[in-house]
Amino acid sequence: MKKILLLAIVLRLLVAAFIFHPDIKTYSYQASFLKKGVFNIYTYLIENKKTLPLKDNFVYFPLTYLTLGGYQAVLSPVFGVGFDSWLTNAGVNSFVRYPQIFKYLILLKLPYLILDIAIAFLLMRFFENKEEKKKAFIFWLFNPFTIVLIYVFSNIDIFPVILTILAFLMLKKQKLFSASLLLGLASGFKLYPLLFIPFLFLAGRNLKEKLMLSLTPLITFGLIVLPFISPAFFQSALVSGLTTGIFTSDFATLALSLLFFYAVMIDKKINLFNYWITLFLIIFSFALFHIQWLLWVAPFLVILSVKKPGLSRLIFVLGILAFAIPLLYQDRSMSISLFRIYSTWFDMLPTPFTFIQKIYDPINLQTVIHSVLAAGSMIMIYKVFKKKELS
């Protein structure tokens, strides 16, 4: 296990250091204002947009800003004097001029590495059998999907993800209040855990417990965002595409509603794990999802793969289909520009979209793949509920 862990860490450090997605520079620049004494980042960025080199709004929730900003403040001596200069450089060649960029990328992604490895150990706690523990450990550490999501796309959703895993460990131990509190904390990073509140309500054994489980995440989220409440916060984070994108599809809303009514009227013994997985499979089937959202459900699919090996092949195929969709976007940062730190010559290379466009319409191909992905997700949902995958 030690050798496996060491290999996994080396692999992650190599990917973290040598592949660059521009999002990490944007939100790291925004988070850097915390060490300069800026508390309400949402208001500050909008009020000073004209004078700032990077003019994007901060679209994440408060705990993301406080966590990333606090991390930068603590490790500021390690980053060195040139780090802030790199963050504020918005020039077209700002990625290739700095020999320290590989050091910066490792340091910026180091919290993700720590949480990523912690998740591998947490997943083992869902199993009693030694072989199953080892499988979960290896499946998490060496599946290509999470490595790409975390270290290539610099997915900061890993913060709420580890909190949701802890929440389900609490549910496994019947510590319902702790689970609901953890989901509330997770929503301080990303709003998606609040989607689970209706099912927490149904899981309560009496009205008092139902209200406690439902209100705790909402109150926790409210206390987190309260100091930041402002028109700028609503404009930047609360109604941003990253938050509201789930509800852009009427089919997704309808399917989620049907899932809730199924739990109310038909399912006599609610299995929260199954509903958590199904919730996100519906979103990925019917909403115009962002590829980084896949990290929300990835640890739970690892658990499912170990418990029911017959589903592992389907899960892997669906993962490939999901990752194929963003490669068909006319977005260089999803493919060619990931290697731009080595040379601006990468700006001259065509994207996969351009290649495929000569043979077939990439937009139509996206629709086809999304439809197949939706069909596969529906099959998985059927198998989950038919076989009662986890108790």
Protein backbone atom coordinates (compact mmCIF):
# COMPACT_ATOMS: atom_id res chain seq x y z
CA MET A 1 0.00 0.00 0.00
CA LYS A 2 2.90 2.36 0.71
CA LYS A 3 4.35 1.77 -2.75
CA ILE A 4 0.92 2.32 -4.33
CA LEU A 5 0.50 5.56 -2.42
CA LEU A 6 3.98 6.81 -3.35
CA LEU A 7 3.38 6.08 -7.04
CA ALA A 8 0.03 7.89 -6.89
CA ILE A 9 1.61 10.97 -5.31
CA VAL A 10 4.45 11.10 -7.87
CA LEU A 11 1.94 10.78 -10.73
CA ARG A 12 -0.14 13.63 -9.32
CA LEU A 13 2.85 15.91 -8.81
CA LEU A 14 3.92 15.41 -12.42
CA VAL A 15 0.47 16.25 -13.77
CA ALA A 16 0.05 19.16 -11.35
CA ALA A 17 3.38 20.76 -12.27
CA PHE A 18 3.37 20.41 -16.04
CA ILE A 19 -0.23 21.00 -17.12
CA PHE A 20 -1.86 24.39 -16.70
CA HIS A 21 -5.50 25.44 -16.92
CA PRO A 22 -5.99 29.24 -16.73
CA ASP A 23 -8.79 29.02 -14.15
CA ILE A 24 -6.29 28.34 -11.37
CA LYS A 25 -4.54 31.62 -12.04
CA THR A 26 -7.81 33.57 -12.11
CA TYR A 27 -9.23 32.37 -8.81
CA SER A 28 -5.79 32.36 -7.15
CA TYR A 29 -5.39 36.01 -8.14
CA GLN A 30 -8.79 36.79 -6.67
CA ALA A 31 -8.04 34.84 -3.48
CA SER A 32 -4.77 36.77 -3.06
CA PHE A 33 -6.74 39.84 -1.98
CA LEU A 34 -7.46 38.23 1.40
CA LYS A 35 -3.82 38.64 2.51
CA LYS A 36 -4.11 42.30 1.49
CA GLY A 37 -6.98 42.79 3.93
CA VAL A 38 -9.95 42.48 1.53
CA PHE A 39 -12.79 40.56 3.19
CA ASN A 40 -15.80 40.97 0.87
CA ILE A 41 -14.18 39.97 -2.40
CA TYR A 42 -17.44 40.21 -4.34
CA THR A 43 -17.97 43.91 -3.69
CA TYR A 44 -14.28 44.72 -4.02
CA LEU A 45 -13.85 43.18 -7.48
CA ILE A 46 -16.94 44.87 -8.91
CA GLU A 47 -16.12 48.27 -7.44
CA ASN A 48 -12.50 48.16 -8.65
CA LYS A 49 -12.97 46.32 -11.93
CA LYS A 50 -11.69 49.20 -14.06
CA THR A 51 -8.32 49.29 -12.32
CA LEU A 52 -7.69 45.53 -11.98
CA PRO A 53 -5.65 43.57 -14.54
CA LEU A 54 -8.01 40.56 -14.34
CA LYS A 55 -11.61 41.72 -14.45
CA ASP A 56 -13.56 38.52 -13.81
CA ASN A 57 -16.03 38.37 -10.91
CA PHE A 58 -15.44 35.87 -8.12
CA VAL A 59 -18.06 33.22 -8.93
CA TYR A 60 -17.37 30.87 -6.03
CA PHE A 61 -18.79 30.87 -2.51
CA PRO A 62 -17.20 32.46 0.58
CA LEU A 63 -15.44 29.41 2.04
CA THR A 64 -13.55 28.98 -1.22
CA TYR A 65 -12.21 32.53 -0.98
CA LEU A 66 -11.35 32.24 2.70
CA THR A 67 -9.68 28.84 2.31
CA LEU A 68 -7.60 29.65 -0.77
CA GLY A 69 -6.78 33.14 0.45
CA GLY A 70 -5.79 31.88 3.89
CA TYR A 71 -3.58 29.20 2.33
CA GLN A 72 -1.79 31.80 0.22
CA ALA A 73 -1.28 34.04 3.24
CA VAL A 74 0.27 31.23 5.28
CA LEU A 75 2.56 30.04 2.47
CA SER A 76 3.39 33.49 1.13
CA PRO A 77 7.13 33.17 2.02
CA VAL A 78 7.27 29.83 0.17
CA PHE A 79 5.65 31.24 -2.95
CA GLY A 80 8.29 33.97 -3.05
CA VAL A 81 8.35 37.60 -4.14
CA GLY A 82 7.61 36.91 -7.81
CA PHE A 83 4.33 35.11 -7.18
CA ASP A 84 2.08 38.17 -6.91
CA SER A 85 3.70 39.60 -10.02
CA TRP A 86 2.82 36.43 -11.92
CA LEU A 87 -0.76 36.51 -10.65
CA THR A 88 -1.31 40.10 -11.75
CA ASN A 89 0.26 39.65 -15.19
CA ALA A 90 -2.66 39.45 -17.59
CA GLY A 91 -0.56 39.65 -20.76
CA VAL A 92 -0.87 37.16 -23.59
CA ASN A 93 2.55 35.68 -22.72
CA SER A 94 2.04 35.66 -18.97
CA PHE A 95 2.17 31.86 -18.90
CA VAL A 96 5.55 31.37 -20.60
CA ARG A 97 7.69 34.14 -19.14
CA TYR A 98 7.98 32.78 -15.62
CA PRO A 99 10.43 29.92 -14.96
CA GLN A 100 8.87 29.62 -11.48
CA ILE A 101 5.49 28.63 -12.90
CA PHE A 102 6.06 24.91 -12.21
CA LYS A 103 6.78 25.69 -8.58
CA TYR A 104 3.66 27.88 -8.41
CA LEU A 105 1.47 25.17 -9.92
CA ILE A 106 2.65 22.54 -7.44
CA LEU A 107 2.14 24.88 -4.49
CA LEU A 108 -1.30 26.02 -5.67
CA LYS A 109 -2.44 22.43 -6.23
CA LEU A 110 -0.88 21.07 -3.04
CA PRO A 111 -4.11 21.44 -0.99
CA TYR A 112 -5.91 19.42 -3.67
CA LEU A 113 -3.26 16.70 -3.39
CA ILE A 114 -3.67 16.51 0.39
CA LEU A 115 -7.47 16.29 0.15
CA ASP A 116 -7.27 13.87 -2.76
CA ILE A 117 -5.12 11.42 -0.77
CA ALA A 118 -7.36 11.91 2.27
CA ILE A 119 -10.37 10.92 0.15
CA ALA A 120 -8.63 7.64 -0.79
CA PHE A 121 -8.31 6.77 2.90
CA LEU A 122 -11.86 7.90 3.71
CA LEU A 123 -13.30 5.68 0.98
CA MET A 124 -11.74 2.67 2.68
CA ARG A 125 -13.90 3.35 5.73
CA PHE A 126 -17.05 2.51 3.78
CA PHE A 127 -15.97 -1.14 3.69
CA GLU A 128 -15.30 -3.89 6.21
CA ASN A 129 -13.61 -6.36 3.87
CA LYS A 130 -9.84 -5.85 3.45
CA GLU A 131 -9.91 -6.59 -0.27
CA GLU A 132 -12.74 -4.13 -0.85
CA LYS A 133 -10.84 -1.47 1.09
CA LYS A 134 -7.82 -1.98 -1.16
CA LYS A 135 -9.94 -1.87 -4.31
CA ALA A 136 -11.54 1.42 -3.28
CA PHE A 137 -8.11 2.85 -2.48
CA ILE A 138 -6.67 1.86 -5.88
CA PHE A 139 -9.79 2.75 -7.89
CA TRP A 140 -9.68 6.28 -6.49
CA LEU A 141 -5.96 6.83 -6.81
CA PHE A 142 -5.52 5.48 -10.31
CA ASN A 143 -8.68 6.26 -12.22
CA PRO A 144 -7.80 8.83 -14.92
CA PHE A 145 -10.97 10.89 -14.50
CA THR A 146 -10.33 12.36 -11.06
CA ILE A 147 -6.65 12.98 -11.87
CA VAL A 148 -7.70 15.09 -14.85
CA LEU A 149 -10.46 16.88 -12.95
CA ILE A 150 -8.27 17.79 -9.99
CA TYR A 151 -4.80 18.36 -11.44
CA VAL A 152 -5.44 19.29 -15.07
CA PHE A 153 -8.59 21.42 -14.66
CA SER A 154 -7.62 22.50 -11.10
CA ASN A 155 -11.05 21.63 -9.77
CA ILE A 156 -11.60 23.38 -6.45
CA ASP A 157 -14.81 21.41 -5.94
CA ILE A 158 -12.64 18.92 -4.06
CA PHE A 159 -13.29 21.00 -0.92
CA PRO A 160 -17.06 20.36 -0.79
CA VAL A 161 -16.53 16.81 -2.10
CA ILE A 162 -14.50 15.71 0.90
CA LEU A 163 -17.10 17.23 3.22
CA THR A 164 -19.89 15.30 1.50
CA ILE A 165 -17.90 12.08 1.89
CA LEU A 166 -17.54 12.82 5.60
CA ALA A 167 -21.27 13.50 5.72
CA PHE A 168 -22.06 10.08 4.31
CA LEU A 169 -19.67 8.45 6.76
CA MET A 170 -21.73 10.13 9.48
CA LEU A 171 -24.92 8.81 7.88
CA LYS A 172 -23.39 5.34 7.87
CA LYS A 173 -22.91 5.72 11.64
CA GLN A 174 -26.47 7.08 12.04
CA LYS A 175 -25.14 10.49 13.11
CA LEU A 176 -27.72 12.41 11.11
CA PHE A 177 -27.19 15.84 12.65
CA SER A 178 -23.43 15.72 12.00
CA ALA A 179 -24.13 14.70 8.41
CA SER A 180 -26.53 17.58 7.83
CA LEU A 181 -24.05 20.03 9.40
CA LEU A 182 -21.27 18.80 7.10
CA LEU A 183 -23.52 19.22 4.07
CA GLY A 184 -24.21 22.78 5.20
CA LEU A 185 -20.46 23.46 5.45
CA ALA A 186 -19.96 21.92 1.99
CA SER A 187 -22.57 24.33 0.59
CA GLY A 188 -20.35 27.17 1.77
CA PHE A 189 -17.98 26.07 -1.00
CA LYS A 190 -20.54 24.99 -3.61
CA LEU A 191 -24.32 25.08 -3.47
CA TYR A 192 -25.05 21.57 -4.79
CA PRO A 193 -25.26 19.77 -1.37
CA LEU A 194 -28.43 21.76 -0.61
CA LEU A 195 -30.17 19.84 -3.41
CA PHE A 196 -30.19 16.88 -1.05
CA ILE A 197 -32.28 18.58 1.65
CA PRO A 198 -35.65 17.06 0.54
CA PHE A 199 -34.21 13.56 0.94
CA LEU A 200 -32.73 14.43 4.34
CA PHE A 201 -36.21 15.55 5.34
CA LEU A 202 -37.68 12.21 4.31
CA ALA A 203 -34.96 10.31 6.18
CA GLY A 204 -35.98 11.84 9.51
CA ARG A 205 -37.78 9.48 11.86
CA ASN A 206 -40.18 12.10 13.22
CA LEU A 207 -41.19 15.67 12.44
CA LYS A 208 -38.66 17.17 14.88
CA GLU A 209 -35.80 15.22 13.32
CA LYS A 210 -37.01 15.97 9.80
CA LEU A 211 -36.99 19.71 10.50
CA MET A 212 -33.59 19.50 12.18
CA LEU A 213 -32.06 17.65 9.23
CA SER A 214 -33.60 20.08 6.73
CA LEU A 215 -32.90 23.36 8.49
CA THR A 216 -29.35 22.65 9.69
CA PRO A 217 -27.74 22.84 6.21
CA LEU A 218 -29.76 25.94 5.34
CA ILE A 219 -28.89 27.73 8.59
CA THR A 220 -25.23 26.77 8.25
CA PHE A 221 -25.14 28.06 4.69
CA GLY A 222 -26.93 31.24 5.74
CA LEU A 223 -24.42 31.95 8.51
CA ILE A 224 -21.51 31.43 6.10
CA VAL A 225 -22.80 33.81 3.44
CA LEU A 226 -24.37 36.38 5.78
CA PRO A 227 -21.24 38.60 6.10
CA PHE A 228 -20.94 38.68 2.32
CA ILE A 229 -24.55 39.44 1.43
CA SER A 230 -24.61 42.27 -1.09
CA PRO A 231 -25.82 42.94 -4.64
CA ALA A 232 -22.31 42.00 -5.79
CA PHE A 233 -22.55 38.59 -4.07
CA PHE A 234 -25.89 37.84 -5.70
CA GLN A 235 -24.63 38.95 -9.09
CA SER A 236 -21.28 37.16 -8.95
CA ALA A 237 -21.92 33.90 -7.12
CA LEU A 238 -25.52 33.20 -6.22
CA VAL A 239 -27.00 33.57 -9.69
CA SER A 240 -23.89 32.69 -11.70
CA GLY A 241 -23.95 29.95 -14.31
CA LEU A 242 -21.93 27.70 -12.00
CA THR A 243 -24.77 27.86 -9.47
CA THR A 244 -27.92 27.99 -11.60
CA GLY A 245 -26.77 25.80 -14.50
CA ILE A 246 -28.39 22.73 -12.94
CA PHE A 247 -31.83 24.25 -13.45
CA THR A 248 -31.41 25.28 -17.08
CA SER A 249 -33.22 22.15 -18.21
CA ASP A 250 -36.93 21.56 -17.63
CA PHE A 251 -36.28 17.82 -18.02
CA ALA A 252 -33.75 17.87 -15.17
CA THR A 253 -36.16 19.71 -12.89
CA LEU A 254 -38.98 17.30 -13.83
CA ALA A 255 -36.80 14.23 -13.26
CA LEU A 256 -35.59 15.49 -9.89
CA SER A 257 -39.19 16.17 -8.88
CA LEU A 258 -40.20 12.65 -9.94
CA LEU A 259 -37.33 11.23 -7.89
CA PHE A 260 -38.59 13.07 -4.81
CA PHE A 261 -42.19 11.93 -5.28
CA TYR A 262 -40.97 8.37 -5.82
CA ALA A 263 -39.22 8.58 -2.45
CA VAL A 264 -42.37 9.98 -0.81
CA MET A 265 -44.99 7.67 -2.27
CA ILE A 266 -43.28 4.41 -3.24
CA ASP A 267 -39.94 3.84 -1.53
CA LYS A 268 -40.67 2.52 1.96
CA LYS A 269 -37.05 2.50 3.13
CA ILE A 270 -35.08 5.43 1.77
CA ASN A 271 -31.45 4.63 0.97
CA LEU A 272 -29.76 8.04 1.02
CA PHE A 273 -26.66 6.78 -0.80
CA ASN A 274 -28.74 5.62 -3.77
CA TYR A 275 -30.63 8.90 -3.91
CA TRP A 276 -27.39 10.91 -3.78
CA ILE A 277 -25.98 9.06 -6.79
CA THR A 278 -29.28 9.19 -8.66
CA LEU A 279 -29.59 12.93 -8.05
CA PHE A 280 -26.38 13.61 -9.94
CA LEU A 281 -26.95 11.04 -12.66
CA ILE A 282 -30.16 12.91 -13.46
CA ILE A 283 -28.31 16.23 -13.56
CA PHE A 284 -25.64 14.81 -15.88
CA SER A 285 -28.33 13.27 -18.07
CA PHE A 286 -30.62 16.25 -18.62
CA ALA A 287 -28.78 19.45 -17.65
CA LEU A 288 -26.03 21.18 -19.59
CA PHE A 289 -23.47 20.07 -17.03
CA HIS A 290 -19.94 21.33 -16.53
CA ILE A 291 -17.31 18.59 -16.72
CA GLN A 292 -15.95 19.59 -13.31
CA TRP A 293 -19.27 18.66 -11.70
CA LEU A 294 -18.36 15.01 -12.22
CA LEU A 295 -16.09 15.26 -9.20
CA TRP A 296 -19.20 15.65 -7.01
CA VAL A 297 -20.22 12.05 -7.57
CA ALA A 298 -16.88 10.41 -8.43
CA PRO A 299 -16.05 9.08 -4.92
CA PHE A 300 -19.51 7.56 -4.59
CA LEU A 301 -19.19 5.87 -7.97
CA VAL A 302 -15.94 4.33 -6.71
CA ILE A 303 -17.86 2.91 -3.74
CA LEU A 304 -20.54 1.61 -6.11
CA SER A 305 -17.91 0.04 -8.38
CA VAL A 306 -16.42 -1.89 -5.48
CA LYS A 307 -19.76 -2.99 -4.01
CA LYS A 308 -21.17 -4.01 -7.36
CA PRO A 309 -18.33 -4.91 -9.77
CA GLY A 310 -20.88 -5.55 -12.51
CA LEU A 311 -21.51 -1.82 -12.71
CA SER A 312 -17.84 -0.79 -12.91
CA ARG A 313 -17.60 -1.26 -16.68
CA LEU A 314 -20.70 0.86 -17.28
CA ILE A 315 -19.35 3.56 -14.96
CA PHE A 316 -16.04 3.62 -16.84
CA VAL A 317 -17.76 3.89 -20.24
CA LEU A 318 -20.00 6.71 -19.00
CA GLY A 319 -16.90 8.51 -17.69
CA ILE A 320 -15.25 8.34 -21.11
CA LEU A 321 -18.40 9.69 -22.77
CA ALA A 322 -18.66 12.53 -20.28
CA PHE A 323 -15.04 13.55 -20.87
CA ALA A 324 -15.48 13.39 -24.64
CA ILE A 325 -18.12 16.14 -24.63
CA PRO A 326 -15.92 19.10 -23.52
CA LEU A 327 -13.22 18.05 -25.99
CA LEU A 328 -15.74 18.92 -28.69
CA TYR A 329 -16.12 22.51 -27.47
CA GLN A 330 -14.46 25.30 -29.39
CA ASP A 331 -12.54 26.05 -26.20
CA ARG A 332 -8.76 25.88 -26.37
CA SER A 333 -8.40 25.73 -22.58
CA MET A 334 -9.96 22.25 -22.61
CA SER A 335 -7.29 20.80 -24.89
CA ILE A 336 -4.44 22.61 -26.72
CA SER A 337 -3.96 25.51 -24.30
CA LEU A 338 -3.31 23.15 -21.40
CA PHE A 339 0.27 22.99 -22.71
CA ARG A 340 0.67 26.67 -23.53
CA ILE A 341 3.12 27.21 -20.67
CA TYR A 342 5.80 25.59 -22.83
CA SER A 343 5.37 27.71 -25.93
CA THR A 344 2.96 30.12 -27.59
CA TRP A 345 3.28 27.85 -30.65
CA PHE A 346 0.43 25.88 -29.12
CA ASP A 347 -1.79 28.84 -30.04
CA MET A 348 -1.33 27.87 -33.67
CA LEU A 349 -2.48 24.26 -33.27
CA PRO A 350 -6.10 23.45 -34.13
CA THR A 351 -8.49 22.19 -31.49
CA PRO A 352 -10.25 18.81 -31.73
CA PHE A 353 -13.36 20.82 -32.66
CA THR A 354 -11.59 22.09 -35.78
CA PHE A 355 -10.46 18.60 -36.82
CA ILE A 356 -13.85 16.97 -36.33
CA GLN A 357 -15.65 19.86 -38.03
CA LYS A 358 -14.18 18.71 -41.34
CA ILE A 359 -15.92 15.35 -41.00
CA TYR A 360 -19.04 15.98 -38.94
CA ASP A 361 -20.73 18.80 -37.02
CA PRO A 362 -19.19 18.74 -33.49
CA ILE A 363 -22.34 20.29 -32.02
CA ASN A 364 -24.47 17.43 -33.31
CA LEU A 365 -21.87 14.94 -32.08
CA GLN A 366 -22.07 16.49 -28.62
CA THR A 367 -25.83 15.95 -28.67
CA VAL A 368 -25.42 12.33 -29.70
CA ILE A 369 -22.87 11.62 -26.97
CA HIS A 370 -24.97 13.42 -24.38
CA SER A 371 -27.98 11.30 -25.35
CA VAL A 372 -25.98 8.08 -25.02
CA LEU A 373 -24.65 9.30 -21.67
CA ALA A 374 -28.21 9.97 -20.53
CA ALA A 375 -29.33 6.50 -21.61
CA GLY A 376 -26.44 4.87 -19.74
CA SER A 377 -27.21 6.93 -16.64
CA MET A 378 -30.84 5.84 -16.72
CA ILE A 379 -29.75 2.19 -16.91
CA MET A 380 -27.51 2.70 -13.90
CA ILE A 381 -30.33 4.37 -11.94
CA TYR A 382 -32.57 1.39 -12.75
CA LYS A 383 -29.93 -1.07 -11.54
CA VAL A 384 -29.27 0.94 -8.39
CA PHE A 385 -32.89 0.87 -7.33
CA LYS A 386 -33.64 -2.62 -8.60
CA LYS A 387 -30.75 -4.22 -6.71
CA LYS A 388 -30.68 -1.83 -3.73
CA GLU A 389 -26.95 -1.45 -4.28
CA LEU A 390 -25.98 -0.29 -0.80
CA SER A 391 -27.66 -0.55 2.54
